[in-house]
Amino acid sequence: MEDLKSQTDSSLNENTPKVTGIGGIFFFSENPQETRDWYAKNLGLNVNEWGSTFESRKINKPDEISSLQWSPFKKGDDYFSPSQKEFMINYQVQNIEGLVDNLKQNGVTVLDNIETFDYGKFVHIMDADGNKIELWEPV
C-alpha cells in the first residue's frame, strides 16, 4: 500500500500536463428540463438550469474541493459539434497550455483556442473515436 501511495505522490507534479479527473458529463435529452426534474424528484439531485454539481475532496489535498458537472443538453445542441455522439465528457486537467502543446505535437485535433473564464480555462479536442472532449483547468 505504501508503494502505491509513493507512486501516486510522485505522479502529482502540478506542472505535468495531464488529466486529473472528470469535470463533467454532458448528454443529449429530448427535454432537458424534464430530465433535470426527473433526476431531482427520483434521485434527489440538486438541479438548476445547468444541471447538477457534485463536489468531492481530493485524496492528497483534502482541503481542496473538486466538482463534477452533470448536464443534459437539448438534443442536437451545437455545443457537441462536430461530434455526432450523444454525450461529451469534460476532463479536469492541470497545465492546460502544456497539454494542448503535447496534443498538437501528437496530431490531435484541437477545435478551438484556450478560453479563460472566472472559473477556469477551457479547450475542446476530438479523440480518435470522433468524440468531442472538453478540457477544463479549474482556477
Protein backbone atom coordinates (compact mmCIF):
# COMPACT_ATOMS: atom_id res chain seq x y z
CA MET A 1 0.00 0.00 0.00
CA GLU A 2 2.87 2.38 0.82
CA ASP A 3 4.30 1.64 -2.62
CA LEU A 4 1.02 2.76 -4.25
CA LYS A 5 0.95 5.97 -2.17
CA SER A 6 4.54 6.75 -3.19
CA GLN A 7 3.66 6.15 -6.84
CA THR A 8 0.59 8.41 -6.54
CA ASP A 9 2.53 11.19 -4.79
CA SER A 10 5.25 11.19 -7.43
CA SER A 11 2.71 11.44 -10.27
CA LEU A 12 1.13 14.59 -8.82
CA ASN A 13 3.65 17.10 -10.13
CA GLU A 14 1.47 20.16 -10.64
CA ASN A 15 3.32 21.18 -13.80
CA THR A 16 2.87 17.90 -15.66
CA PRO A 17 0.31 18.39 -18.46
CA LYS A 18 -2.32 15.71 -17.79
CA VAL A 19 -5.88 14.86 -16.88
CA THR A 20 -6.52 14.93 -13.12
CA GLY A 21 -10.18 13.90 -13.01
CA ILE A 22 -13.62 14.06 -14.56
CA GLY A 23 -15.05 17.58 -14.65
CA GLY A 24 -18.40 16.90 -16.26
CA ILE A 25 -20.75 14.54 -18.00
CA PHE A 26 -22.91 16.08 -20.71
CA PHE A 27 -25.54 14.26 -22.76
CA PHE A 28 -28.41 14.91 -25.13
CA SER A 29 -32.01 14.83 -23.97
CA GLU A 30 -35.25 15.44 -25.87
CA ASN A 31 -36.37 17.66 -22.99
CA PRO A 32 -33.51 18.74 -20.67
CA GLN A 33 -35.86 20.40 -18.14
CA GLU A 34 -37.97 17.24 -17.78
CA THR A 35 -34.77 15.22 -17.43
CA ARG A 36 -33.43 17.53 -14.72
CA ASP A 37 -36.81 17.40 -12.93
CA TRP A 38 -36.91 13.58 -13.13
CA TYR A 39 -33.43 13.27 -11.62
CA ALA A 40 -34.30 15.77 -8.89
CA LYS A 41 -37.57 14.01 -7.98
CA ASN A 42 -36.39 10.42 -8.27
CA LEU A 43 -32.70 10.51 -7.43
CA GLY A 44 -32.50 13.60 -5.24
CA LEU A 45 -30.15 15.64 -7.45
CA ASN A 46 -29.99 19.32 -6.56
CA VAL A 47 -30.54 20.80 -10.05
CA ASN A 48 -30.53 24.23 -11.64
CA GLU A 49 -30.66 25.42 -15.25
CA TRP A 50 -27.16 23.97 -15.86
CA GLY A 51 -27.79 20.55 -14.33
CA SER A 52 -26.26 19.41 -11.06
CA THR A 53 -22.85 19.84 -9.48
CA PHE A 54 -21.23 17.08 -7.42
CA GLU A 55 -18.45 18.07 -5.04
CA SER A 56 -15.72 15.88 -3.62
CA ARG A 57 -12.35 16.21 -1.91
CA LYS A 58 -9.01 15.16 -3.33
CA ILE A 59 -7.25 12.32 -1.53
CA ASN A 60 -3.85 14.02 -1.44
CA LYS A 61 -5.25 17.53 -0.88
CA PRO A 62 -8.29 17.09 1.39
CA ASP A 63 -8.75 20.85 1.81
CA GLU A 64 -9.24 21.21 -1.97
CA ILE A 65 -12.78 20.75 -3.29
CA SER A 66 -13.28 19.25 -6.73
CA SER A 67 -16.50 19.40 -8.71
CA LEU A 68 -18.18 17.39 -11.43
CA GLN A 69 -20.93 18.96 -13.55
CA TRP A 70 -23.81 16.78 -14.76
CA SER A 71 -25.79 18.45 -17.58
CA PRO A 72 -28.46 17.36 -20.04
CA PHE A 73 -28.40 19.35 -23.30
CA LYS A 74 -31.20 19.72 -25.83
CA LYS A 75 -30.81 17.00 -28.44
CA GLY A 76 -28.87 18.39 -31.42
CA ASP A 77 -27.28 21.27 -29.47
CA ASP A 78 -24.31 22.69 -31.40
CA TYR A 79 -22.14 22.55 -28.28
CA PHE A 80 -21.27 18.91 -29.08
CA SER A 81 -20.32 19.69 -32.72
CA PRO A 82 -18.52 18.45 -34.71
CA SER A 83 -19.05 15.18 -32.79
CA GLN A 84 -22.07 13.11 -33.80
CA LYS A 85 -22.18 11.40 -30.40
CA GLU A 86 -24.92 11.66 -27.78
CA PHE A 87 -22.53 12.66 -24.98
CA MET A 88 -19.45 14.68 -24.13
CA ILE A 89 -17.05 14.29 -21.22
CA ASN A 90 -15.25 17.17 -19.55
CA TYR A 91 -11.88 16.26 -18.07
CA GLN A 92 -10.19 18.33 -15.36
CA VAL A 93 -6.58 18.97 -16.29
CA GLN A 94 -3.50 20.67 -14.99
CA ASN A 95 -1.21 22.80 -17.16
CA ILE A 96 -3.73 23.11 -19.99
CA GLU A 97 -1.29 25.08 -22.16
CA GLY A 98 1.35 22.34 -21.92
CA LEU A 99 -1.26 19.67 -22.54
CA VAL A 100 -2.55 21.43 -25.68
CA ASP A 101 1.04 21.74 -26.94
CA ASN A 102 1.56 17.99 -26.39
CA LEU A 103 -1.74 17.16 -28.08
CA LYS A 104 -0.85 19.23 -31.15
CA GLN A 105 2.56 17.52 -31.35
CA ASN A 106 0.73 14.17 -31.27
CA GLY A 107 -1.54 15.19 -34.15
CA VAL A 108 -4.70 15.50 -32.02
CA THR A 109 -7.39 17.79 -33.45
CA VAL A 110 -7.69 20.86 -31.21
CA LEU A 111 -11.00 22.51 -32.09
CA ASP A 112 -10.54 25.96 -30.57
CA ASN A 113 -8.23 28.21 -28.61
CA ILE A 114 -7.96 28.06 -24.85
CA GLU A 115 -10.60 30.36 -23.35
CA THR A 116 -10.34 31.80 -19.84
CA PHE A 117 -13.33 32.43 -17.55
CA ASP A 118 -13.69 33.24 -13.84
CA TYR A 119 -13.98 29.51 -13.09
CA GLY A 120 -11.12 28.24 -15.26
CA LYS A 121 -9.68 27.65 -18.71
CA PHE A 122 -11.34 25.53 -21.42
CA VAL A 123 -10.45 24.00 -24.77
CA HIS A 124 -12.08 21.31 -26.91
CA ILE A 125 -10.45 18.41 -28.74
CA MET A 126 -11.55 15.36 -30.74
CA ASP A 127 -10.49 11.86 -29.69
CA ALA A 128 -9.69 9.00 -32.07
CA ASP A 129 -13.32 7.81 -32.00
CA GLY A 130 -14.79 11.17 -33.03
CA ASN A 131 -15.87 12.18 -29.52
CA LYS A 132 -15.63 15.86 -28.70
CA ILE A 133 -13.88 16.27 -25.35
CA GLU A 134 -13.84 19.36 -23.19
CA LEU A 135 -10.68 20.03 -21.17
CA TRP A 136 -11.00 22.27 -18.12
CA GLU A 137 -8.32 23.66 -15.86
CA PRO A 138 -10.11 24.96 -12.75
CA VAL A 139 -8.96 28.20 -11.14
